[in-house]
Protein backbone atom coordinates (compact mmCIF):
# COMPACT_ATOMS: atom_id res chain seq x y z
CA MET A 1 -32.26 -26.98 4.62
CA MET A 2 -32.88 -23.72 6.48
CA ALA A 3 -29.68 -24.21 8.47
CA GLY A 4 -27.70 -24.59 5.24
CA CYS A 5 -29.22 -21.44 3.77
CA GLY A 6 -28.51 -19.54 6.96
CA PHE A 7 -24.87 -20.63 6.89
CA LYS A 8 -24.49 -19.44 3.30
CA VAL A 9 -26.02 -16.08 4.12
CA LEU A 10 -23.72 -15.72 7.12
CA MET A 11 -20.67 -16.54 5.00
CA VAL A 12 -21.67 -13.94 2.42
CA LEU A 13 -22.16 -11.31 5.12
CA LEU A 14 -18.83 -12.10 6.76
CA LEU A 15 -17.04 -11.96 3.43
CA SER A 16 -18.70 -8.69 2.51
CA MET A 17 -17.46 -7.20 5.78
CA ALA A 18 -13.97 -8.56 5.15
CA VAL A 19 -13.97 -7.08 1.65
CA VAL A 20 -15.48 -3.70 2.36
CA MET A 21 -13.89 -2.75 5.67
CA PRO A 22 -10.14 -3.03 4.95
CA THR A 23 -10.16 -1.39 1.52
CA LEU A 24 -12.23 1.70 0.92
CA ARG A 25 -10.46 2.37 -2.39
CA ALA A 26 -11.64 -0.66 -4.32
CA GLY A 27 -13.79 1.48 -6.60
CA ILE A 28 -16.98 -0.38 -5.69
CA ALA A 29 -19.67 1.97 -4.47
CA GLU A 30 -22.22 -0.72 -3.69
CA TYR A 31 -21.78 -4.45 -3.04
CA ASP A 32 -24.92 -5.99 -4.53
CA ASP A 33 -25.75 -9.71 -4.56
CA PHE A 34 -23.87 -10.23 -7.83
CA LEU A 35 -20.62 -8.80 -6.48
CA LEU A 36 -20.93 -10.62 -3.16
CA LYS A 37 -21.33 -13.96 -4.93
CA LYS A 38 -18.43 -13.07 -7.22
CA ALA A 39 -16.27 -12.24 -4.19
CA VAL A 40 -17.06 -15.58 -2.56
CA ALA A 41 -16.19 -17.45 -5.76
CA ALA A 42 -12.98 -15.45 -6.22
CA GLU A 43 -11.83 -16.21 -2.69
CA GLN A 44 -12.40 -19.94 -3.23
CA VAL A 45 -10.41 -19.85 -6.49
CA ALA A 46 -7.59 -17.95 -4.77
CA GLN A 47 -7.39 -20.59 -2.05
CA GLU A 48 -7.13 -23.27 -4.73
CA ALA A 49 -4.41 -21.27 -6.55
CA TYR A 50 -2.34 -20.91 -3.37
CA ASN A 51 0.70 -23.20 -3.33
CA PRO A 52 1.55 -24.63 0.12
CA ASP A 53 5.15 -25.23 -1.00
CA PRO A 54 6.22 -21.98 -2.69
CA MET A 55 9.92 -22.88 -2.78
CA ASN A 56 9.22 -25.60 -5.35
CA VAL A 57 7.80 -22.89 -7.60
CA THR A 58 10.86 -20.69 -7.20
CA ASN A 59 13.16 -23.63 -7.88
CA HIS A 60 11.23 -24.57 -11.02
CA LEU A 61 11.75 -21.06 -12.40
CA ASN A 62 15.44 -21.16 -11.47
CA LEU A 63 15.83 -24.50 -13.25
CA GLN A 64 14.34 -23.05 -16.44
CA VAL A 65 16.81 -20.14 -16.31
CA HIS A 66 19.65 -22.59 -15.78
CA LEU A 67 18.58 -24.70 -18.77
CA ALA A 68 18.19 -21.63 -20.97
CA PHE A 69 21.87 -20.81 -20.47
CA GLU A 70 23.23 -24.28 -21.13
CA GLY A 71 25.84 -24.10 -23.85
CA SER A 72 26.36 -20.35 -23.46
CA ASN A 73 28.66 -18.49 -21.12
CA SER A 74 27.86 -15.04 -22.44
CA THR A 75 26.59 -12.42 -20.01
CA ARG A 76 26.91 -9.47 -22.39
CA ARG A 77 24.15 -7.03 -23.12
CA GLY A 78 24.92 -4.20 -25.49
CA LEU A 79 23.49 -0.84 -24.53
CA ALA A 80 22.79 0.17 -28.12
CA LYS A 81 19.53 -0.76 -29.81
CA TYR A 82 19.79 -4.37 -30.97
CA LYS A 83 19.53 -4.85 -34.74
CA GLY A 84 20.68 -8.44 -35.12
CA PRO A 85 18.74 -11.70 -35.50
CA CYS A 86 16.15 -12.65 -32.91
CA LEU A 87 17.75 -13.18 -29.53
CA ALA A 88 15.55 -14.57 -26.75
CA THR A 89 17.55 -14.25 -23.56
CA ASN A 90 15.38 -15.81 -20.87
CA PRO A 91 13.24 -18.96 -20.67
CA ILE A 92 9.88 -17.18 -21.01
CA ASP A 93 10.92 -15.48 -24.24
CA ARG A 94 12.67 -18.58 -25.58
CA CYS A 95 9.34 -20.34 -25.47
CA TRP A 96 7.82 -18.22 -28.26
CA ARG A 97 9.68 -15.13 -29.47
CA CYS A 98 12.01 -16.36 -32.21
CA ASN A 99 9.39 -18.31 -34.13
CA LYS A 100 8.58 -16.21 -37.20
CA LYS A 101 5.12 -17.79 -37.28
CA TRP A 102 4.22 -16.52 -33.79
CA ALA A 103 1.26 -14.57 -35.21
CA LYS A 104 -0.30 -17.76 -36.59
CA ASN A 105 -0.02 -19.43 -33.22
CA ARG A 106 -0.52 -16.57 -30.77
CA LYS A 107 -1.90 -18.88 -28.12
CA LYS A 108 1.48 -20.57 -27.78
CA LEU A 109 2.24 -17.64 -25.44
CA ALA A 110 -0.10 -19.13 -22.83
CA SER A 111 2.25 -22.08 -22.32
CA CYS A 112 5.28 -19.88 -21.62
CA VAL A 113 4.58 -18.36 -18.20
CA LEU A 114 6.73 -19.35 -15.23
CA GLY A 115 6.58 -18.61 -11.52
CA PHE A 116 3.49 -18.39 -9.37
CA GLY A 117 1.32 -17.40 -12.33
CA ARG A 118 2.44 -20.47 -14.28
CA LYS A 119 -1.05 -21.98 -14.55
CA THR A 120 -2.48 -18.88 -16.23
CA THR A 121 -3.85 -19.59 -19.71
CA GLY A 122 -5.93 -16.45 -20.27
CA GLY A 123 -8.23 -16.78 -23.26
CA LYS A 124 -6.47 -19.80 -24.75
CA ARG A 125 -9.68 -21.82 -24.91
CA GLY A 126 -11.66 -19.03 -26.52
CA ARG A 127 -12.01 -17.31 -29.86
CA TYR A 128 -10.01 -14.36 -31.13
CA TYR A 129 -11.49 -10.90 -30.72
CA LYS A 130 -9.96 -8.03 -32.71
CA VAL A 131 -10.16 -4.53 -31.24
CA THR A 132 -10.69 -2.05 -34.10
CA ASP A 133 -12.11 0.98 -32.29
CA PRO A 134 -9.98 2.90 -29.74
CA SER A 135 -12.92 4.94 -28.43
CA ASP A 136 -14.30 4.59 -24.90
CA THR A 137 -17.59 6.44 -24.65
CA GLU A 138 -20.13 3.78 -23.67
CA PHE A 139 -19.81 2.25 -20.20
CA VAL A 140 -23.12 0.47 -19.65
CA ASN A 141 -23.40 -0.91 -23.18
CA PRO A 142 -19.86 -0.85 -24.63
CA LYS A 143 -19.53 -0.61 -28.39
CA PRO A 144 -18.54 -3.81 -30.23
CA GLY A 145 -14.98 -3.56 -31.48
CA THR A 146 -13.74 -1.67 -28.41
CA LEU A 147 -11.43 -3.02 -25.74
CA ARG A 148 -14.10 -2.45 -23.10
CA HIS A 149 -16.61 -4.56 -25.02
CA ALA A 150 -14.09 -7.39 -25.36
CA CYS A 151 -13.09 -7.42 -21.70
CA ILE A 152 -16.61 -7.84 -20.25
CA GLN A 153 -17.67 -10.80 -22.38
CA LYS A 154 -18.60 -14.01 -20.55
CA ARG A 155 -16.70 -16.44 -22.75
CA PRO A 156 -12.90 -16.81 -22.86
CA LEU A 157 -11.34 -14.51 -25.46
CA TRP A 158 -7.90 -13.90 -26.96
CA ILE A 159 -8.00 -10.15 -27.61
CA THR A 160 -5.79 -8.64 -30.33
CA PHE A 161 -5.64 -5.24 -32.04
CA GLY A 162 -6.37 -4.50 -35.69
CA ARG A 163 -3.93 -1.58 -35.77
CA SER A 164 -1.78 0.63 -33.58
CA MET A 165 -3.82 2.93 -31.34
CA ILE A 166 -3.95 5.09 -28.25
CA ILE A 167 -6.86 4.18 -25.97
CA LYS A 168 -7.85 6.93 -23.55
CA LEU A 169 -10.15 5.26 -21.06
CA SER A 170 -12.80 7.63 -19.76
CA LYS A 171 -13.50 5.32 -16.80
CA GLU A 172 -11.62 2.36 -15.35
CA LEU A 173 -11.83 -0.75 -17.51
CA LEU A 174 -12.75 -3.96 -15.70
CA ILE A 175 -11.39 -7.21 -17.13
CA SER A 176 -13.43 -10.35 -16.58
CA SER A 177 -12.07 -13.89 -16.22
CA HIS A 178 -10.37 -15.95 -18.95
CA LYS A 179 -9.07 -13.11 -21.08
CA THR A 180 -5.80 -12.44 -22.87
CA ILE A 181 -4.98 -8.91 -24.01
CA ASP A 182 -2.29 -9.48 -26.65
CA ALA A 183 -0.87 -6.31 -28.22
CA ARG A 184 1.80 -8.03 -30.34
CA GLY A 185 1.90 -6.71 -33.89
CA ALA A 186 0.52 -3.29 -32.94
CA ASN A 187 1.74 -0.31 -30.94
CA VAL A 188 -1.00 0.02 -28.32
CA HIS A 189 -0.99 2.64 -25.57
CA ILE A 190 -3.41 2.83 -22.65
CA ALA A 191 -2.77 6.44 -21.73
CA TYR A 192 -4.05 9.81 -20.52
CA GLY A 193 -7.13 8.36 -18.87
CA ALA A 194 -8.21 5.62 -16.44
CA GLY A 195 -6.38 2.32 -15.94
CA LEU A 196 -7.10 -1.41 -16.04
CA SER A 197 -8.77 -3.29 -13.16
CA ILE A 198 -8.86 -7.05 -12.61
CA GLN A 199 -11.42 -7.46 -9.84
CA PHE A 200 -12.74 -10.79 -8.51
CA SER A 201 -11.48 -12.36 -11.75
CA ARG A 202 -9.14 -15.21 -12.61
CA ASN A 203 -6.97 -16.38 -15.44
CA VAL A 204 -5.94 -13.11 -17.12
CA ILE A 205 -2.91 -12.38 -19.33
CA ILE A 206 -1.91 -8.83 -20.28
CA HIS A 207 0.95 -8.67 -22.77
CA GLY A 208 2.70 -6.02 -24.83
CA LEU A 209 0.91 -2.82 -23.81
CA HIS A 210 2.32 0.63 -23.13
CA ILE A 211 0.54 1.94 -20.02
CA HIS A 212 1.33 5.50 -18.95
CA HIS A 213 -0.08 8.83 -17.74
CA ILE A 214 -2.99 7.08 -16.01
CA VAL A 215 -5.15 9.37 -13.88
CA ALA A 216 -8.03 9.03 -11.44
CA ALA A 217 -11.34 8.99 -13.31
CA ASN A 218 -14.95 9.58 -12.36
CA GLY A 219 -17.08 6.66 -11.30
CA GLY A 220 -20.70 5.96 -12.12
CA MET A 221 -22.52 3.03 -13.63
CA ILE A 222 -20.01 0.77 -15.39
CA ARG A 223 -20.52 -2.68 -16.84
CA ASP A 224 -18.07 -5.11 -15.23
CA ALA A 225 -19.53 -8.31 -16.70
CA TYR A 226 -21.77 -9.28 -19.58
CA ASN A 227 -24.71 -9.55 -17.14
CA HIS A 228 -23.90 -6.94 -14.51
CA VAL A 229 -23.65 -3.17 -14.23
CA GLY A 230 -22.33 -1.76 -10.97
CA LEU A 231 -21.98 1.65 -9.36
CA ARG A 232 -18.32 2.64 -9.16
CA THR A 233 -16.55 5.36 -7.21
CA VAL A 234 -13.66 7.46 -8.49
CA SER A 235 -10.82 5.18 -9.64
CA ASP A 236 -7.41 5.46 -7.95
CA GLY A 237 -5.21 6.10 -10.95
CA ASP A 238 -3.37 2.77 -10.91
CA GLY A 239 -1.96 1.46 -14.17
CA ILE A 240 -3.13 -2.08 -13.36
CA SER A 241 -5.11 -2.88 -10.24
CA ILE A 242 -5.49 -6.54 -9.22
CA PHE A 243 -8.16 -7.01 -6.55
CA GLY A 244 -9.29 -10.34 -5.15
CA SER A 245 -8.03 -12.13 -8.27
CA SER A 246 -5.77 -15.08 -9.06
CA ASN A 247 -3.76 -16.65 -11.89
CA ILE A 248 -2.60 -13.38 -13.43
CA TRP A 249 0.34 -12.90 -15.81
CA LEU A 250 1.65 -9.45 -16.79
CA ASP A 251 4.40 -9.67 -19.43
CA HIS A 252 6.38 -7.31 -21.67
CA LEU A 253 4.66 -4.15 -20.46
CA SER A 254 6.13 -0.64 -20.60
CA MET A 255 4.75 1.38 -17.71
CA SER A 256 5.34 4.89 -16.36
CA ASN A 257 3.76 8.04 -14.92
CA CYS A 258 0.57 6.82 -13.25
CA GLN A 259 -1.21 8.91 -10.65
CA ASP A 260 -1.18 6.12 -8.03
CA GLY A 261 0.71 2.83 -8.48
CA LEU A 262 1.93 1.20 -11.64
CA ILE A 263 0.79 -2.24 -10.43
CA ASP A 264 -1.22 -2.94 -7.27
CA ALA A 265 -2.20 -6.47 -6.20
CA ILE A 266 -4.38 -6.53 -3.10
CA GLN A 267 -7.26 -8.16 -1.27
CA GLY A 268 -6.11 -11.79 -1.28
CA SER A 269 -4.88 -11.84 -4.88
CA THR A 270 -2.41 -14.64 -5.58
CA ALA A 271 -0.70 -16.81 -8.25
CA ILE A 272 0.75 -13.77 -10.06
CA THR A 273 3.78 -13.38 -12.33
CA VAL A 274 5.12 -9.98 -13.44
CA SER A 275 7.82 -10.50 -16.07
CA ASN A 276 9.85 -8.90 -18.87
CA SER A 277 8.50 -5.42 -18.18
CA HIS A 278 10.15 -1.99 -18.15
CA PHE A 279 9.22 0.53 -15.47
CA THR A 280 10.27 4.20 -15.50
CA HIS A 281 9.40 7.64 -14.08
CA HIS A 282 7.21 6.80 -11.14
CA ASN A 283 7.10 7.00 -7.35
CA ASP A 284 5.15 4.01 -5.94
CA VAL A 285 5.93 1.29 -8.47
CA MET A 286 4.35 -1.91 -7.08
CA LEU A 287 2.20 -2.54 -4.01
CA PHE A 288 1.53 -6.14 -3.03
CA GLY A 289 -0.83 -6.36 -0.05
CA ALA A 290 -3.81 -4.24 0.94
CA SER A 291 -3.03 -3.19 4.50
CA ASP A 292 -1.24 -4.25 7.65
CA SER A 293 -4.61 -5.24 9.11
CA TYR A 294 -5.82 -7.46 6.26
CA GLN A 295 -4.59 -10.97 7.04
CA GLY A 296 -6.29 -12.32 3.92
CA ASP A 297 -3.19 -11.31 1.98
CA SER A 298 -1.30 -14.15 3.67
CA ILE A 299 -2.08 -16.33 0.62
CA MET A 300 -0.49 -13.83 -1.77
CA GLN A 301 2.28 -15.39 -3.88
CA VAL A 302 3.98 -13.28 -6.55
CA THR A 303 6.92 -13.78 -8.91
CA VAL A 304 8.75 -10.68 -10.18
CA ALA A 305 11.21 -11.82 -12.87
CA PHE A 306 13.33 -10.46 -15.75
CA ASN A 307 12.09 -6.86 -15.35
CA HIS A 308 14.06 -3.63 -15.71
CA PHE A 309 13.45 -1.00 -13.05
CA GLY A 310 14.78 2.06 -14.83
CA LYS A 311 14.99 5.83 -14.85
CA GLY A 312 13.01 8.06 -12.52
CA LEU A 313 11.80 5.43 -10.05
CA VAL A 314 11.57 6.22 -6.35
CA GLN A 315 10.41 3.22 -4.27
CA ARG A 316 8.27 0.06 -3.96
CA MET A 317 9.87 -2.34 -6.42
CA PRO A 318 7.92 -3.97 -4.80
CA ARG A 319 6.51 -3.11 -1.36
CA CYS A 320 5.09 -6.30 0.17
CA ARG A 321 2.79 -7.41 2.98
CA TRP A 322 1.98 -10.82 4.46
CA GLY A 323 2.68 -13.17 1.54
CA PHE A 324 5.56 -14.87 -0.33
CA PHE A 325 7.48 -12.96 -3.00
CA HIS A 326 10.15 -14.28 -5.37
CA VAL A 327 12.15 -11.40 -6.85
CA VAL A 328 14.50 -12.99 -9.37
CA ASN A 329 16.90 -11.83 -12.10
CA ASN A 330 15.65 -8.24 -12.33
CA ASP A 331 17.79 -5.22 -13.21
CA TYR A 332 17.53 -2.36 -10.71
CA THR A 333 19.41 0.53 -12.28
CA HIS A 334 17.60 3.42 -10.57
CA TRP A 335 15.83 4.23 -7.31
CA LEU A 336 15.74 7.32 -5.10
CA MET A 337 14.59 5.94 -1.72
CA TYR A 338 14.77 2.13 -1.70
CA ALA A 339 14.11 -0.84 -3.97
CA ILE A 340 12.30 -3.51 -1.91
CA GLY A 341 10.22 -2.82 1.18
CA GLY A 342 7.56 -4.43 3.29
CA SER A 343 5.65 -4.88 6.50
CA GLN A 344 3.66 -7.60 8.28
CA HIS A 345 6.29 -10.35 7.94
CA PRO A 346 6.32 -11.02 4.18
CA THR A 347 8.76 -13.65 2.92
CA ILE A 348 10.99 -12.12 0.26
CA ILE A 349 13.51 -14.24 -1.66
CA SER A 350 15.79 -12.03 -3.77
CA GLN A 351 17.84 -14.09 -6.22
CA GLY A 352 20.25 -13.07 -8.94
CA ASN A 353 19.17 -9.45 -9.23
CA ARG A 354 21.47 -6.56 -10.11
CA PHE A 355 21.16 -3.57 -7.78
CA ILE A 356 22.96 -0.34 -8.74
CA ALA A 357 22.63 2.08 -5.82
CA PRO A 358 21.96 5.79 -6.45
CA PRO A 359 24.66 8.40 -5.78
CA ASN A 360 22.96 9.45 -2.52
CA PRO A 361 24.74 7.51 0.28
CA ALA A 362 21.57 7.62 2.40
CA ALA A 363 19.64 5.64 -0.21
CA ARG A 364 22.04 2.77 -0.85
CA GLN A 365 20.16 0.28 1.30
CA ILE A 366 18.04 -1.86 -1.00
CA THR A 367 15.60 -2.90 1.71
CA ASN A 368 13.18 -0.86 3.78
CA ARG A 369 11.35 -2.02 6.93
CA ASN A 370 10.63 1.34 8.55
CA TYR A 371 7.16 0.12 9.39
CA ALA A 372 8.42 -2.15 12.19
CA PRO A 373 11.20 -2.13 14.84
CA GLU A 374 14.21 -4.39 14.36
CA SER A 375 13.07 -6.60 17.21
CA VAL A 376 10.08 -7.49 15.02
CA TRP A 377 11.50 -7.55 11.48
CA LYS A 378 14.59 -9.56 12.34
CA THR A 379 12.38 -12.68 12.35
CA TRP A 380 11.03 -12.03 8.84
CA THR A 381 12.60 -14.15 6.08
CA TRP A 382 14.26 -11.73 3.65
CA ARG A 383 17.14 -13.46 1.86
CA SER A 384 19.57 -12.28 -0.82
CA GLU A 385 21.11 -15.06 -2.91
CA GLY A 386 23.46 -14.37 -5.82
CA ASP A 387 22.51 -10.69 -6.10
CA LEU A 388 25.02 -8.34 -7.74
CA LEU A 389 25.41 -5.30 -5.47
CA MET A 390 26.97 -2.26 -7.13
CA ASN A 391 27.87 1.32 -6.21
CA GLY A 392 27.61 0.59 -2.50
CA ALA A 393 24.18 -1.09 -2.62
CA TYR A 394 23.49 -3.40 0.31
CA PHE A 395 20.69 -5.80 1.23
CA VAL A 396 19.86 -6.20 4.92
CA GLN A 397 18.90 -9.85 5.34
CA SER A 398 16.75 -11.25 8.12
CA GLY A 399 15.34 -14.56 9.23
CA SER A 400 17.12 -17.86 9.43
CA PRO A 401 19.30 -18.74 6.41
CA SER A 402 19.07 -22.42 7.34
CA LYS A 403 15.28 -22.60 7.48
CA ARG A 404 14.20 -26.18 6.70
CA ARG A 405 12.40 -26.35 3.39
CA PRO A 406 10.50 -29.38 2.05
CA TYR A 407 12.27 -30.07 -1.21
CA SER A 408 14.90 -32.51 -2.37
CA ARG A 409 18.50 -31.75 -3.29
CA LEU A 410 17.57 -32.29 -6.93
CA ASP A 411 15.25 -29.27 -6.75
CA MET A 412 17.87 -26.93 -5.31
CA ILE A 413 18.85 -25.19 -8.55
CA LYS A 414 20.24 -21.71 -7.91
CA ALA A 415 19.12 -18.72 -9.94
CA LYS A 416 21.64 -17.35 -12.38
CA PRO A 417 23.79 -14.81 -10.54
CA GLY A 418 23.28 -11.08 -10.95
CA THR A 419 26.09 -10.89 -13.49
CA TYR A 420 23.66 -12.44 -16.04
CA VAL A 421 20.89 -9.91 -15.48
CA ARG A 422 21.79 -7.48 -18.28
CA ARG A 423 21.33 -10.32 -20.75
CA LEU A 424 18.19 -11.76 -19.16
CA THR A 425 16.42 -8.38 -19.17
CA ARG A 426 17.77 -7.02 -22.43
CA PHE A 427 14.39 -6.95 -24.16
CA ALA A 428 12.23 -5.92 -21.21
CA GLY A 429 9.21 -3.82 -22.08
CA SER A 430 6.80 -3.80 -24.99
CA LEU A 431 8.31 -5.37 -28.14
CA ASN A 432 8.12 -4.24 -31.75
CA CYS A 433 6.57 -7.31 -33.34
CA TYR A 434 5.74 -7.77 -37.00
CA GLU A 435 3.80 -10.63 -38.50
CA GLY A 436 5.97 -12.99 -40.49
CA ARG A 437 9.12 -12.13 -38.54
CA PRO A 438 10.52 -13.29 -35.22
CA CYS A 439 9.29 -10.94 -32.54
């Protein structure tokens, strides 16, 4: 009995060292017993969410894209604002968008995710919670009706908004497990204050928000669960920070102008899908992986699909470490330095994206591996398949193109080529949804 207790204590201590040492910017000022136990549980869930055969996941997504285009050979996307009947142009949107009764069956959304986050159900098994108060003034005992109060509840919740609102978070908002934040039917902005943090949590959906002008915010005592208040340091200024969490789906977001990153996923986070979102006016767009020294990010698996990387972006779309990343059918219309970068031998499969290089000839290379010499990075698996390369854009591939992969010929469905991307991403970003109409 004593030996078993000693082993558990040792595991907690080792994990606490692994968590605290590599990342000093996690926002946690003090790892108490509650957070250490939560970290242990989160790591176990992440290991369970890790897929040992990631190519089967990528092929499943590709198959759904292929099926969505059966019977249609159109690749057109008009540049003007669309005013016609509902047009769902990719398999995630086709699952729910054009049903005029979407508001009566909001939880249908939870069955629509594809990619590595495909098992995410959010608050599907919980009650609805309507946010009616945009204020954010109470951090230890949040006011009922606020987004902060909803996000720290123990039970699963499907969180909606009673009206359009701008929520200026005075301190970072921590989202607990089994939550859906569903902004459909309202124009909801998280802006001009702190951002959203998913820390040691699982099974979270964030859909339909505008997130912009996020800044670093003071720390202090903040409730991060219904039964725990922790001491936090100054937040980083990320739009969405995913830390030690798994089964996360971010969909139809409009994000720009955050002080740090738009989306960071670090510290062994995995089973993540980022889809249908529109990113503009930012430097470091996405960071996947905590540091070159943190091997725990080897289990990270992320799908980036059907997004539009638009005006004013500089780099990191995404920047990856250690894990496996499927970047599929995205539209890259702007970057200043590079589009996709990485270090510490990440596997990056780029399929059916459109890359339009900037006018600067020195920035036309899509990929960036400046963190390692060629003798090292040439063994990393970075493949470009069916990408549309425009204006002189070029993707420097590496690794073996004939790497043996454990799937059958029936699974080898190619992504739609980059010529389809304008259609697939036509409605990226937050949608204007009205109850009683197709979204």
